[in-house]
Amino acid sequence: MASFSGTVRHNDLEGGFFELHTNDGDSYRLQGASGLTAGAKVVVHGTIESGGFGLQMSGPAIKVDKVEPA
């Protein structure tokens, strides 16, 4: 399991979903996370899903195990 630090953003595409925009400039869909708020600074613990793009076509996803405030 890896950790990713960044800011949560809401993407309105395909009904809406949350993304993590990391401090390193990467962007990931957040899969399986709940209770998120756009603009929150967080540390996400999880694994990058291999297998390409999902329906949202926004890039790789992190399968979230835990989210904590940064």
Protein backbone atom coordinates (compact mmCIF):
# COMPACT_ATOMS: atom_id res chain seq x y z
CA MET A 1 0.00 0.00 0.00
CA ALA A 2 1.27 3.44 -0.94
CA SER A 3 0.47 6.93 0.36
CA PHE A 4 -0.46 9.93 -1.78
CA SER A 5 -0.71 13.53 -0.49
CA GLY A 6 -2.73 16.21 -2.21
CA THR A 7 -6.00 18.05 -2.64
CA VAL A 8 -9.41 16.48 -3.29
CA ARG A 9 -11.30 17.88 -6.27
CA HIS A 10 -14.76 17.03 -7.59
CA ASN A 11 -15.04 16.27 -11.30
CA ASP A 12 -18.56 16.64 -12.79
CA LEU A 13 -17.88 14.28 -15.70
CA GLU A 14 -20.16 11.22 -16.01
CA GLY A 15 -22.29 12.04 -12.97
CA GLY A 16 -19.41 13.22 -10.80
CA PHE A 17 -16.52 11.66 -8.92
CA PHE A 18 -13.63 12.71 -6.70
CA GLU A 19 -10.01 13.01 -7.79
CA LEU A 20 -6.79 13.50 -5.87
CA HIS A 21 -4.45 16.12 -7.31
CA THR A 22 -1.12 15.25 -5.71
CA ASN A 23 1.59 17.57 -4.50
CA ASP A 24 3.76 16.04 -7.26
CA GLY A 25 1.35 17.16 -10.00
CA ASP A 26 -0.34 13.81 -10.69
CA SER A 27 -4.09 13.23 -10.79
CA TYR A 28 -5.95 10.07 -9.71
CA ARG A 29 -9.60 9.03 -9.49
CA LEU A 30 -10.47 8.00 -5.94
CA GLN A 31 -12.19 4.63 -6.00
CA GLY A 32 -14.01 3.46 -2.88
CA ALA A 33 -13.58 6.61 -0.79
CA SER A 34 -16.46 8.14 1.15
CA GLY A 35 -17.01 11.32 3.11
CA LEU A 36 -14.74 13.43 0.91
CA THR A 37 -15.00 17.19 0.52
CA ALA A 38 -13.69 19.10 -2.48
CA GLY A 39 -10.73 21.27 -1.49
CA ALA A 40 -9.68 19.07 1.44
CA LYS A 41 -5.94 18.46 1.90
CA VAL A 42 -5.55 14.73 2.55
CA VAL A 43 -3.25 11.74 2.62
CA VAL A 44 -4.73 8.77 0.76
CA HIS A 45 -3.52 5.25 1.51
CA GLY A 46 -4.20 2.69 -1.19
CA THR A 47 -3.02 1.02 -4.36
CA ILE A 48 -3.01 2.22 -7.94
CA GLU A 49 -5.44 0.17 -10.00
CA SER A 50 -3.82 -1.32 -13.06
CA GLY A 51 -6.03 -1.77 -16.07
CA GLY A 52 -6.22 1.66 -17.60
CA PHE A 53 -9.09 4.09 -17.71
CA GLY A 54 -12.54 3.70 -16.23
CA LEU A 55 -15.80 5.15 -17.49
CA GLN A 56 -14.72 8.61 -16.39
CA MET A 57 -11.63 8.51 -18.67
CA SER A 58 -9.75 10.78 -16.26
CA GLY A 59 -6.67 8.68 -15.68
CA PRO A 60 -5.54 6.00 -13.24
CA ALA A 61 -7.45 5.25 -10.07
CA ILE A 62 -6.37 4.70 -6.49
CA LYS A 63 -8.26 1.93 -4.73
CA VAL A 64 -8.61 3.71 -1.40
CA ASP A 65 -8.00 1.89 1.87
CA LYS A 66 -7.90 4.95 4.14
CA VAL A 67 -8.08 8.75 3.91
CA GLU A 68 -6.76 11.06 6.63
CA PRO A 69 -6.36 14.83 6.91
CA ALA A 70 -2.98 16.20 5.82
